[in-house]
Protein backbone atom coordinates (compact mmCIF):
# COMPACT_ATOMS: atom_id res chain seq x y z
CA MET A 1 -176.56 -96.81 -31.38
CA SER A 2 -176.75 -97.80 -27.74
CA ARG A 3 -173.46 -99.65 -28.19
CA LEU A 4 -171.44 -96.42 -28.14
CA PRO A 5 -172.65 -95.25 -24.69
CA ASP A 6 -172.19 -98.78 -23.34
CA LEU A 7 -168.68 -98.88 -24.71
CA ALA A 8 -167.90 -95.45 -23.25
CA GLU A 9 -169.21 -96.57 -19.86
CA ARG A 10 -167.14 -99.73 -19.98
CA ILE A 11 -164.01 -97.77 -20.87
CA GLU A 12 -164.68 -95.40 -17.97
CA ARG A 13 -165.01 -98.35 -15.57
CA LEU A 14 -161.78 -99.84 -16.92
CA LEU A 15 -159.96 -96.54 -16.40
CA LEU A 16 -161.23 -96.31 -12.83
CA ARG A 17 -160.18 -99.88 -12.15
CA HIS A 18 -156.77 -99.20 -13.66
CA GLU A 19 -156.25 -96.23 -11.33
CA GLU A 20 -157.33 -98.35 -8.36
CA GLN A 21 -154.90 -101.09 -9.38
CA LYS A 22 -152.07 -98.55 -9.68
CA ARG A 23 -152.77 -97.25 -6.15
CA THR A 24 -152.90 -100.80 -4.80
CA ASN A 25 -149.65 -101.64 -6.56
CA THR A 26 -147.93 -98.58 -5.07
CA LEU A 27 -149.08 -99.57 -1.58
CA LEU A 28 -147.89 -103.15 -2.09
CA GLU A 29 -144.50 -101.93 -3.30
CA GLN A 30 -144.17 -99.81 -0.15
CA GLN A 31 -145.10 -102.78 2.03
CA LEU A 32 -142.62 -104.98 0.20
CA ARG A 33 -139.82 -102.45 0.77
CA ALA A 34 -140.69 -102.21 4.47
CA VAL A 35 -140.79 -106.00 4.90
CA SER A 36 -137.55 -106.42 2.95
CA ASP A 37 -135.84 -103.81 5.12
CA GLU A 38 -137.11 -105.57 8.25
CA ARG A 39 -135.89 -108.93 6.92
CA ASP A 40 -132.44 -107.49 6.19
CA ASN A 41 -132.31 -105.97 9.68
CA LEU A 42 -133.31 -109.29 11.27
CA ARG A 43 -130.71 -111.17 9.21
CA SER A 44 -128.05 -108.73 10.36
CA ARG A 45 -129.11 -109.11 13.99
CA LEU A 46 -129.14 -112.90 13.60
CA ALA A 47 -125.61 -112.88 12.17
CA ALA A 48 -124.42 -110.70 15.06
CA ALA A 49 -126.10 -113.00 17.59
CA ARG A 50 -124.50 -116.05 15.95
CA ALA A 51 -121.11 -114.38 16.14
CA ARG A 52 -121.63 -113.69 19.85
CA ILE A 53 -122.76 -117.28 20.46
CA ASP A 54 -119.76 -118.63 18.55
CA ALA A 55 -117.47 -116.44 20.65
CA LEU A 56 -119.10 -117.73 23.84
CA ILE A 57 -118.81 -121.34 22.67
CA ASP A 58 -115.14 -120.80 21.88
CA ARG A 59 -114.63 -119.60 25.46
CA LEU A 60 -116.21 -122.75 26.96
CA PRO A 61 -113.76 -125.26 28.38
CA ALA A 62 -113.41 -128.46 26.37
CA SER A 63 -115.51 -131.19 27.94
CA GLU A 64 -114.73 -134.88 28.13
CA GLY A 65 -118.39 -135.82 27.80
CA GLY A 66 -118.14 -136.58 24.11
CA HIS A 67 -119.32 -133.24 22.79
CA ALA A 68 -117.54 -132.06 19.68
CA PRO A 69 -115.31 -129.03 20.12
CA ALA A 70 -116.74 -125.74 18.89
CA GLY A 71 -114.43 -125.81 15.89
CA ASP A 72 -115.92 -129.09 14.65
CA ALA A 73 -119.56 -128.01 14.81
CA GLY A 74 -120.87 -124.50 14.28
CA ALA A 75 -123.10 -122.83 16.82
CA ALA A 76 -126.06 -123.29 14.53
CA ASP A 77 -125.50 -127.06 14.45
CA SER A 78 -125.24 -127.33 18.22
CA LEU A 79 -128.41 -125.26 18.64
CA ASP A 80 -130.40 -127.26 16.08
CA ILE A 81 -131.11 -124.21 13.92
CA PRO A 82 -132.49 -125.38 10.57
CA ARG A 83 -130.17 -124.88 7.61
CA SER A 84 -132.91 -122.93 5.81
CA VAL A 85 -132.55 -120.18 8.42
CA GLN A 86 -128.78 -120.06 8.32
CA PRO A 87 -127.15 -117.52 5.96
């Protein structure tokens, strides 16, 4: 009959572990929301910075040195920003 107390103990440990996992999951969800919000904020700031850079490039006088006009190449191309970072 020692199986019943062992089983009860095992169930108790499983319940405790389940509660611990739920708390961990809640904390991870909060961290994910915070990181996602930060990412969205950074993307927004990056888009605004790109717009400002594009506006500055458009104001530059056309050069005869062989550089493409701003309309032919985006600011990201002229700054060597990887495509994976561009929106």
